[in-house]
Amino acid sequence: MLSIDIPGRGRLDLEHLVLDLNGTLTFDGEVLPGVSEALAALSGVLHPVAITADTRGTALDIAALLGIEVRIVEHGAEAAQKLAFVRELGAASVAAIGNGANDAVMLREVAVGICVIAGEGAAVEAVQMADVVVTDIMSAIGLFAQPARLSATLRR
């Protein structure tokens, strides 16, 4: 568990890190540099889970490469399925990272939602629903490796 005190917002007790796969952890189907090592470093404090509709059919291979769990949702109504998954985990104990329109409600629901605007861009809905917006996945993961950064960004 990762506990973070955020002035004016309160204490966050995070257990899970839910990560969109395509466009967030990968670009054009390839895992972005440094992601595997960064997730491994966090695995002692957060349980990382990739969530995807697996449009490229590579989710299981990528999850194995990263050493993380993967949840594959059905095509169609992906946003509702992602939302149901974070609720199943207990949204108050979940941080999520994504970039797509189908990530927006998930980002809004969790304790900390982070939108990544990288090579694939980001849907306006995801940007609007996130608590934090960053320019790359390594910056997003780094917020949990260095929680003082997250606290500084979210303090009121």
N, C-alpha and C. Protein backbone atom coordinates (compact mmCIF):
# COMPACT_ATOMS: atom_id res chain seq x y z
N MET A 1 0.84 -1.18 0.00
CA MET A 1 0.00 0.00 0.00
C MET A 1 0.88 1.25 0.00
N LEU A 2 0.41 2.25 -0.69
CA LEU A 2 1.10 3.54 -0.75
C LEU A 2 0.18 4.58 -0.13
N SER A 3 0.62 5.17 0.96
CA SER A 3 -0.16 6.22 1.63
C SER A 3 0.46 7.57 1.33
N ILE A 4 -0.39 8.51 0.92
CA ILE A 4 0.07 9.84 0.56
C ILE A 4 -0.84 10.85 1.23
N ASP A 5 -0.25 11.77 1.99
CA ASP A 5 -1.02 12.87 2.58
C ASP A 5 -0.99 14.05 1.62
N ILE A 6 -2.18 14.52 1.29
CA ILE A 6 -2.28 15.65 0.36
C ILE A 6 -2.97 16.80 1.09
N PRO A 7 -2.22 17.87 1.37
CA PRO A 7 -2.79 19.01 2.09
C PRO A 7 -4.06 19.53 1.42
N GLY A 8 -5.10 19.69 2.23
CA GLY A 8 -6.38 20.19 1.73
C GLY A 8 -7.24 19.14 1.06
N ARG A 9 -6.71 17.96 0.90
CA ARG A 9 -7.46 16.89 0.25
C ARG A 9 -7.58 15.65 1.13
N GLY A 10 -6.57 15.42 1.96
CA GLY A 10 -6.61 14.28 2.86
C GLY A 10 -5.61 13.20 2.48
N ARG A 11 -5.78 12.07 3.14
CA ARG A 11 -4.87 10.94 2.97
C ARG A 11 -5.41 9.98 1.91
N LEU A 12 -4.52 9.57 1.02
CA LEU A 12 -4.85 8.54 0.04
C LEU A 12 -4.14 7.26 0.44
N ASP A 13 -4.88 6.18 0.50
CA ASP A 13 -4.30 4.87 0.75
C ASP A 13 -4.53 4.03 -0.50
N LEU A 14 -3.51 3.95 -1.33
CA LEU A 14 -3.61 3.31 -2.63
C LEU A 14 -3.07 1.89 -2.59
N GLU A 15 -3.80 0.97 -3.22
CA GLU A 15 -3.37 -0.42 -3.30
C GLU A 15 -3.15 -0.88 -4.74
N HIS A 16 -3.90 -0.31 -5.68
CA HIS A 16 -3.89 -0.77 -7.07
C HIS A 16 -3.53 0.37 -8.01
N LEU A 17 -2.82 0.03 -9.07
CA LEU A 17 -2.53 0.96 -10.15
C LEU A 17 -3.06 0.33 -11.43
N VAL A 18 -4.15 0.89 -11.96
CA VAL A 18 -4.79 0.37 -13.17
C VAL A 18 -4.29 1.21 -14.34
N LEU A 19 -3.77 0.51 -15.35
CA LEU A 19 -3.09 1.16 -16.47
C LEU A 19 -3.73 0.79 -17.79
N ASP A 20 -4.16 1.78 -18.55
CA ASP A 20 -4.57 1.53 -19.92
C ASP A 20 -3.34 1.01 -20.66
N LEU A 21 -3.55 0.15 -21.62
CA LEU A 21 -2.41 -0.46 -22.31
C LEU A 21 -2.00 0.33 -23.55
N ASN A 22 -2.85 0.35 -24.56
CA ASN A 22 -2.49 0.97 -25.84
C ASN A 22 -2.50 2.49 -25.75
N GLY A 23 -1.39 3.09 -26.11
CA GLY A 23 -1.25 4.54 -26.07
C GLY A 23 -0.79 5.07 -24.74
N THR A 24 -0.77 4.21 -23.72
CA THR A 24 -0.33 4.61 -22.39
C THR A 24 0.97 3.89 -22.04
N LEU A 25 0.92 2.56 -21.99
CA LEU A 25 2.12 1.76 -21.73
C LEU A 25 2.87 1.43 -23.02
N THR A 26 2.15 1.52 -24.14
CA THR A 26 2.75 1.19 -25.43
C THR A 26 2.51 2.31 -26.43
N PHE A 27 3.32 2.31 -27.47
CA PHE A 27 3.12 3.20 -28.61
C PHE A 27 3.27 2.35 -29.86
N ASP A 28 2.25 2.36 -30.69
CA ASP A 28 2.22 1.50 -31.88
C ASP A 28 2.51 0.04 -31.52
N GLY A 29 1.99 -0.40 -30.38
CA GLY A 29 2.11 -1.79 -29.97
C GLY A 29 3.40 -2.17 -29.28
N GLU A 30 4.33 -1.24 -29.14
CA GLU A 30 5.62 -1.52 -28.49
C GLU A 30 5.65 -0.89 -27.10
N VAL A 31 6.09 -1.67 -26.11
CA VAL A 31 6.22 -1.15 -24.74
C VAL A 31 7.22 0.00 -24.75
N LEU A 32 6.85 1.08 -24.11
CA LEU A 32 7.71 2.26 -24.07
C LEU A 32 8.93 2.00 -23.18
N PRO A 33 10.06 2.61 -23.52
CA PRO A 33 11.30 2.40 -22.75
C PRO A 33 11.14 2.77 -21.28
N GLY A 34 11.67 1.91 -20.43
CA GLY A 34 11.69 2.16 -19.00
C GLY A 34 10.46 1.72 -18.24
N VAL A 35 9.38 1.40 -18.95
CA VAL A 35 8.12 1.06 -18.29
C VAL A 35 8.25 -0.20 -17.44
N SER A 36 8.87 -1.22 -18.00
CA SER A 36 9.00 -2.49 -17.27
C SER A 36 9.73 -2.30 -15.95
N GLU A 37 10.84 -1.60 -15.99
CA GLU A 37 11.63 -1.37 -14.77
C GLU A 37 10.87 -0.49 -13.77
N ALA A 38 10.20 0.52 -14.27
CA ALA A 38 9.46 1.43 -13.37
C ALA A 38 8.31 0.71 -12.68
N LEU A 39 7.60 -0.14 -13.40
CA LEU A 39 6.51 -0.90 -12.78
C LEU A 39 7.05 -1.92 -11.79
N ALA A 40 8.16 -2.54 -12.12
CA ALA A 40 8.77 -3.51 -11.20
C ALA A 40 9.15 -2.82 -9.89
N ALA A 41 9.66 -1.61 -9.98
CA ALA A 41 10.07 -0.87 -8.78
C ALA A 41 8.87 -0.52 -7.90
N LEU A 42 7.70 -0.35 -8.50
CA LEU A 42 6.49 -0.01 -7.73
C LEU A 42 5.74 -1.22 -7.20
N SER A 43 6.05 -2.39 -7.73
CA SER A 43 5.24 -3.57 -7.42
C SER A 43 5.22 -3.94 -5.94
N GLY A 44 6.17 -3.47 -5.17
CA GLY A 44 6.15 -3.74 -3.74
C GLY A 44 5.13 -2.91 -2.98
N VAL A 45 4.67 -1.81 -3.58
CA VAL A 45 3.73 -0.93 -2.88
C VAL A 45 2.37 -0.82 -3.57
N LEU A 46 2.34 -1.01 -4.87
CA LEU A 46 1.09 -0.97 -5.63
C LEU A 46 0.96 -2.22 -6.50
N HIS A 47 -0.25 -2.68 -6.66
CA HIS A 47 -0.53 -3.83 -7.51
C HIS A 47 -0.90 -3.31 -8.90
N PRO A 48 0.02 -3.41 -9.88
CA PRO A 48 -0.29 -2.90 -11.22
C PRO A 48 -1.11 -3.89 -12.04
N VAL A 49 -2.12 -3.36 -12.73
CA VAL A 49 -2.97 -4.16 -13.60
C VAL A 49 -3.21 -3.37 -14.88
N ALA A 50 -2.90 -3.98 -16.02
CA ALA A 50 -3.22 -3.37 -17.31
C ALA A 50 -4.66 -3.73 -17.67
N ILE A 51 -5.36 -2.77 -18.26
CA ILE A 51 -6.73 -3.02 -18.70
C ILE A 51 -6.85 -2.57 -20.15
N THR A 52 -7.46 -3.43 -20.97
CA THR A 52 -7.47 -3.17 -22.40
C THR A 52 -8.54 -3.99 -23.10
N ALA A 53 -8.96 -3.50 -24.25
CA ALA A 53 -9.82 -4.29 -25.12
C ALA A 53 -8.96 -5.15 -26.06
N ASP A 54 -7.66 -5.03 -25.95
CA ASP A 54 -6.69 -5.84 -26.69
C ASP A 54 -6.90 -5.78 -28.20
N THR A 55 -7.02 -4.57 -28.72
CA THR A 55 -7.26 -4.40 -30.15
C THR A 55 -6.15 -4.95 -31.03
N ARG A 56 -4.94 -5.02 -30.51
CA ARG A 56 -3.82 -5.55 -31.28
C ARG A 56 -3.58 -7.05 -31.03
N GLY A 57 -4.27 -7.61 -30.04
CA GLY A 57 -4.11 -9.03 -29.74
C GLY A 57 -2.80 -9.37 -29.06
N THR A 58 -2.18 -8.39 -28.43
CA THR A 58 -0.86 -8.60 -27.82
C THR A 58 -0.85 -8.42 -26.30
N ALA A 59 -2.01 -8.21 -25.70
CA ALA A 59 -2.07 -7.85 -24.29
C ALA A 59 -1.42 -8.89 -23.37
N LEU A 60 -1.68 -10.15 -23.61
CA LEU A 60 -1.12 -11.19 -22.74
C LEU A 60 0.40 -11.23 -22.84
N ASP A 61 0.93 -11.08 -24.05
CA ASP A 61 2.38 -11.07 -24.23
C ASP A 61 3.01 -9.85 -23.55
N ILE A 62 2.38 -8.69 -23.70
CA ILE A 62 2.91 -7.47 -23.09
C ILE A 62 2.84 -7.56 -21.57
N ALA A 63 1.73 -8.06 -21.04
CA ALA A 63 1.60 -8.21 -19.59
C ALA A 63 2.67 -9.16 -19.05
N ALA A 64 2.94 -10.24 -19.77
CA ALA A 64 3.98 -11.18 -19.35
C ALA A 64 5.35 -10.51 -19.37
N LEU A 65 5.60 -9.74 -20.42
CA LEU A 65 6.86 -9.02 -20.53
C LEU A 65 7.03 -8.04 -19.37
N LEU A 66 5.94 -7.37 -19.01
CA LEU A 66 5.99 -6.38 -17.92
C LEU A 66 5.89 -7.03 -16.53
N GLY A 67 5.47 -8.26 -16.49
CA GLY A 67 5.32 -8.94 -15.21
C GLY A 67 4.14 -8.43 -14.41
N ILE A 68 3.06 -8.06 -15.11
CA ILE A 68 1.87 -7.55 -14.43
C ILE A 68 0.64 -8.32 -14.87
N GLU A 69 -0.40 -8.18 -14.09
CA GLU A 69 -1.70 -8.77 -14.42
C GLU A 69 -2.33 -7.96 -15.56
N VAL A 70 -3.19 -8.61 -16.34
CA VAL A 70 -3.94 -7.90 -17.38
C VAL A 70 -5.41 -8.28 -17.27
N ARG A 71 -6.26 -7.30 -17.47
CA ARG A 71 -7.71 -7.53 -17.55
C ARG A 71 -8.11 -7.13 -18.97
N ILE A 72 -8.64 -8.09 -19.71
CA ILE A 72 -9.10 -7.82 -21.07
C ILE A 72 -10.60 -7.64 -21.04
N VAL A 73 -11.05 -6.47 -21.51
CA VAL A 73 -12.48 -6.18 -21.58
C VAL A 73 -12.96 -6.44 -23.00
N GLU A 74 -14.25 -6.63 -23.13
CA GLU A 74 -14.83 -6.90 -24.44
C GLU A 74 -14.91 -5.62 -25.26
N HIS A 75 -14.83 -5.76 -26.57
CA HIS A 75 -15.01 -4.61 -27.46
C HIS A 75 -16.44 -4.12 -27.32
N GLY A 76 -16.58 -2.82 -27.27
CA GLY A 76 -17.89 -2.21 -27.07
C GLY A 76 -18.11 -1.95 -25.60
N ALA A 77 -18.49 -0.76 -25.27
CA ALA A 77 -18.75 -0.36 -23.88
C ALA A 77 -17.51 -0.53 -23.00
N GLU A 78 -16.33 -0.28 -23.57
CA GLU A 78 -15.09 -0.41 -22.80
C GLU A 78 -15.08 0.50 -21.58
N ALA A 79 -15.59 1.72 -21.74
CA ALA A 79 -15.58 2.67 -20.63
C ALA A 79 -16.35 2.12 -19.43
N ALA A 80 -17.51 1.56 -19.67
CA ALA A 80 -18.32 1.00 -18.59
C ALA A 80 -17.62 -0.20 -17.94
N GLN A 81 -16.94 -1.00 -18.74
CA GLN A 81 -16.24 -2.16 -18.19
C GLN A 81 -15.03 -1.74 -17.35
N LYS A 82 -14.32 -0.70 -17.80
CA LYS A 82 -13.18 -0.19 -17.02
C LYS A 82 -13.67 0.40 -15.70
N LEU A 83 -14.78 1.12 -15.76
CA LEU A 83 -15.37 1.68 -14.55
C LEU A 83 -15.78 0.57 -13.58
N ALA A 84 -16.43 -0.45 -14.09
CA ALA A 84 -16.85 -1.57 -13.24
C ALA A 84 -15.64 -2.25 -12.59
N PHE A 85 -14.55 -2.36 -13.33
CA PHE A 85 -13.36 -3.00 -12.79
C PHE A 85 -12.77 -2.20 -11.63
N VAL A 86 -12.63 -0.89 -11.78
CA VAL A 86 -12.06 -0.11 -10.67
C VAL A 86 -13.00 -0.09 -9.47
N ARG A 87 -14.28 -0.16 -9.72
CA ARG A 87 -15.24 -0.25 -8.60
C ARG A 87 -15.10 -1.60 -7.90
N GLU A 88 -14.87 -2.65 -8.67
CA GLU A 88 -14.66 -3.99 -8.12
C GLU A 88 -13.43 -4.01 -7.20
N LEU A 89 -12.38 -3.30 -7.60
CA LEU A 89 -11.17 -3.21 -6.79
C LEU A 89 -11.36 -2.34 -5.56
N GLY A 90 -12.31 -1.43 -5.63
CA GLY A 90 -12.52 -0.44 -4.57
C GLY A 90 -11.89 0.87 -5.01
N ALA A 91 -12.63 1.67 -5.74
CA ALA A 91 -12.11 2.87 -6.41
C ALA A 91 -11.31 3.79 -5.49
N ALA A 92 -11.66 3.83 -4.23
CA ALA A 92 -10.95 4.71 -3.28
C ALA A 92 -9.52 4.27 -3.03
N SER A 93 -9.20 3.02 -3.40
CA SER A 93 -7.83 2.51 -3.22
C SER A 93 -7.09 2.34 -4.54
N VAL A 94 -7.63 2.96 -5.60
CA VAL A 94 -7.09 2.78 -6.95
C VAL A 94 -6.58 4.10 -7.51
N ALA A 95 -5.40 4.02 -8.13
CA ALA A 95 -4.92 5.09 -9.01
C ALA A 95 -5.01 4.52 -10.41
N ALA A 96 -5.30 5.36 -11.40
CA ALA A 96 -5.42 4.89 -12.77
C ALA A 96 -4.71 5.86 -13.71
N ILE A 97 -4.17 5.27 -14.78
CA ILE A 97 -3.48 6.06 -15.81
C ILE A 97 -4.04 5.65 -17.16
N GLY A 98 -4.42 6.65 -17.95
CA GLY A 98 -4.95 6.38 -19.27
C GLY A 98 -4.90 7.62 -20.14
N ASN A 99 -5.38 7.46 -21.39
CA ASN A 99 -5.36 8.58 -22.32
C ASN A 99 -6.58 8.65 -23.22
N GLY A 100 -7.38 7.62 -23.25
CA GLY A 100 -8.47 7.55 -24.22
C GLY A 100 -9.81 7.98 -23.67
N ALA A 101 -10.74 8.20 -24.59
CA ALA A 101 -12.11 8.54 -24.20
C ALA A 101 -12.71 7.42 -23.34
N ASN A 102 -12.32 6.18 -23.63
CA ASN A 102 -12.84 5.07 -22.84
C ASN A 102 -12.19 4.95 -21.46
N ASP A 103 -11.22 5.80 -21.18
CA ASP A 103 -10.59 5.84 -19.85
C ASP A 103 -11.18 6.94 -18.96
N ALA A 104 -11.92 7.86 -19.55
CA ALA A 104 -12.33 9.08 -18.85
C ALA A 104 -13.12 8.80 -17.56
N VAL A 105 -14.15 7.98 -17.62
CA VAL A 105 -14.95 7.76 -16.41
C VAL A 105 -14.15 6.99 -15.35
N MET A 106 -13.25 6.12 -15.79
CA MET A 106 -12.37 5.43 -14.85
C MET A 106 -11.48 6.45 -14.14
N LEU A 107 -10.91 7.38 -14.89
CA LEU A 107 -10.03 8.40 -14.30
C LEU A 107 -10.78 9.28 -13.30
N ARG A 108 -12.04 9.56 -13.58
CA ARG A 108 -12.85 10.38 -12.68
C ARG A 108 -13.18 9.63 -11.39
N GLU A 109 -13.42 8.34 -11.48
CA GLU A 109 -13.92 7.55 -10.36
C GLU A 109 -12.87 7.20 -9.30
N VAL A 110 -11.63 7.03 -9.71
CA VAL A 110 -10.59 6.52 -8.81
C VAL A 110 -10.07 7.61 -7.88
N ALA A 111 -9.28 7.19 -6.90
CA ALA A 111 -8.71 8.14 -5.95
C ALA A 111 -7.80 9.15 -6.64
N VAL A 112 -7.00 8.68 -7.61
CA VAL A 112 -6.13 9.56 -8.40
C VAL A 112 -6.17 9.08 -9.85
N GLY A 113 -6.63 9.96 -10.72
CA GLY A 113 -6.66 9.67 -12.15
C GLY A 113 -5.62 10.51 -12.87
N ILE A 114 -4.80 9.85 -13.67
CA ILE A 114 -3.73 10.55 -14.40
C ILE A 114 -3.92 10.32 -15.89
N CYS A 115 -3.93 11.40 -16.63
CA CYS A 115 -4.03 11.33 -18.08
C CYS A 115 -2.65 11.58 -18.67
N VAL A 116 -2.26 10.73 -19.61
CA VAL A 116 -0.98 10.86 -20.30
C VAL A 116 -1.23 11.38 -21.71
N ILE A 117 -0.64 12.53 -22.01
CA ILE A 117 -0.71 13.06 -23.37
C ILE A 117 0.65 12.78 -24.01
N ALA A 118 0.71 11.70 -24.75
CA ALA A 118 1.99 11.29 -25.36
C ALA A 118 1.82 11.22 -26.88
N GLY A 119 2.56 10.33 -27.51
CA GLY A 119 2.58 10.24 -28.96
C GLY A 119 1.24 10.01 -29.60
N GLU A 120 0.36 9.31 -28.91
CA GLU A 120 -0.97 9.02 -29.44
C GLU A 120 -1.94 10.16 -29.15
N GLY A 121 -1.52 11.10 -28.30
CA GLY A 121 -2.42 12.16 -27.87
C GLY A 121 -3.31 11.68 -26.75
N ALA A 122 -4.31 12.48 -26.43
CA ALA A 122 -5.26 12.13 -25.38
C ALA A 122 -6.62 12.70 -25.74
N ALA A 123 -7.65 11.97 -25.39
CA ALA A 123 -9.01 12.44 -25.61
C ALA A 123 -9.31 13.58 -24.64
N VAL A 124 -10.03 14.56 -25.11
CA VAL A 124 -10.38 15.71 -24.28
C VAL A 124 -11.10 15.26 -23.01
N GLU A 125 -11.97 14.25 -23.14
CA GLU A 125 -12.70 13.75 -21.96
C GLU A 125 -11.74 13.22 -20.90
N ALA A 126 -10.71 12.52 -21.33
CA ALA A 126 -9.74 11.98 -20.38
C ALA A 126 -8.99 13.09 -19.68
N VAL A 127 -8.60 14.11 -20.43
CA VAL A 127 -7.91 15.27 -19.85
C VAL A 127 -8.81 15.95 -18.82
N GLN A 128 -10.07 16.13 -19.14
CA GLN A 128 -11.00 16.82 -18.25
C GLN A 128 -11.31 16.03 -16.99
N MET A 129 -11.32 14.73 -17.07
CA MET A 129 -11.70 13.89 -15.92
C MET A 129 -10.52 13.55 -15.00
N ALA A 130 -9.31 13.73 -15.48
CA ALA A 130 -8.12 13.37 -14.70
C ALA A 130 -7.85 14.39 -13.59
N ASP A 131 -7.18 13.91 -12.55
CA ASP A 131 -6.70 14.80 -11.49
C ASP A 131 -5.39 15.45 -11.89
N VAL A 132 -4.59 14.72 -12.68
CA VAL A 132 -3.27 15.17 -13.09
C VAL A 132 -3.10 14.83 -14.56
N VAL A 133 -2.44 15.71 -15.30
CA VAL A 133 -2.13 15.47 -16.71
C VAL A 133 -0.61 15.56 -16.87
N VAL A 134 -0.02 14.54 -17.51
CA VAL A 134 1.43 14.51 -17.74
C VAL A 134 1.70 14.23 -19.21
N THR A 135 2.95 14.38 -19.59
CA THR A 135 3.31 14.24 -21.00
C THR A 135 3.92 12.89 -21.37
N ASP A 136 4.11 12.01 -20.41
CA ASP A 136 4.63 10.68 -20.75
C ASP A 136 4.39 9.72 -19.59
N ILE A 137 4.40 8.45 -19.91
CA ILE A 137 4.11 7.42 -18.91
C ILE A 137 5.14 7.40 -17.78
N MET A 138 6.38 7.68 -18.09
CA MET A 138 7.40 7.65 -17.04
C MET A 138 7.15 8.75 -16.00
N SER A 139 6.66 9.90 -16.43
CA SER A 139 6.30 10.95 -15.48
C SER A 139 5.12 10.51 -14.63
N ALA A 140 4.16 9.83 -15.24
CA ALA A 140 3.00 9.34 -14.49
C ALA A 140 3.42 8.34 -13.43
N ILE A 141 4.20 7.35 -13.82
CA ILE A 141 4.65 6.34 -12.86
C ILE A 141 5.54 6.98 -11.80
N GLY A 142 6.34 7.96 -12.20
CA GLY A 142 7.22 8.66 -11.27
C GLY A 142 6.49 9.36 -10.14
N LEU A 143 5.23 9.73 -10.37
CA LEU A 143 4.44 10.36 -9.31
C LEU A 143 4.24 9.41 -8.13
N PHE A 144 4.23 8.13 -8.39
CA PHE A 144 4.05 7.14 -7.32
C PHE A 144 5.39 6.72 -6.73
N ALA A 145 6.43 6.78 -7.53
CA ALA A 145 7.78 6.50 -7.02
C ALA A 145 8.26 7.63 -6.11
N GLN A 146 7.82 8.84 -6.41
CA GLN A 146 8.15 10.03 -5.61
C GLN A 146 6.84 10.71 -5.23
N PRO A 147 6.13 10.19 -4.23
CA PRO A 147 4.79 10.69 -3.91
C PRO A 147 4.73 12.17 -3.51
N ALA A 148 5.85 12.75 -3.11
CA ALA A 148 5.84 14.18 -2.78
C ALA A 148 5.48 15.00 -4.01
N ARG A 149 5.82 14.50 -5.20
CA ARG A 149 5.44 15.20 -6.44
C ARG A 149 3.92 15.23 -6.59
N LEU A 150 3.30 14.10 -6.34
CA LEU A 150 1.85 14.02 -6.44
C LEU A 150 1.18 14.92 -5.41
N SER A 151 1.69 14.89 -4.21
CA SER A 151 1.16 15.74 -3.15
C SER A 151 1.29 17.21 -3.52
N ALA A 152 2.43 17.60 -4.07
CA ALA A 152 2.63 19.01 -4.45
C ALA A 152 1.68 19.43 -5.55
N THR A 153 1.39 18.53 -6.49
CA THR A 153 0.50 18.84 -7.59
C THR A 153 -0.95 18.95 -7.15
N LEU A 154 -1.38 18.09 -6.24
CA LEU A 154 -2.78 18.02 -5.84
C LEU A 154 -3.14 18.84 -4.62
N ARG A 155 -2.18 19.37 -3.92
CA ARG A 155 -2.50 20.11 -2.68
C ARG A 155 -3.41 21.30 -3.01
N ARG A 156 -4.19 21.66 -2.03
CA ARG A 156 -5.12 22.79 -2.22
C ARG A 156 -4.73 23.93 -1.33
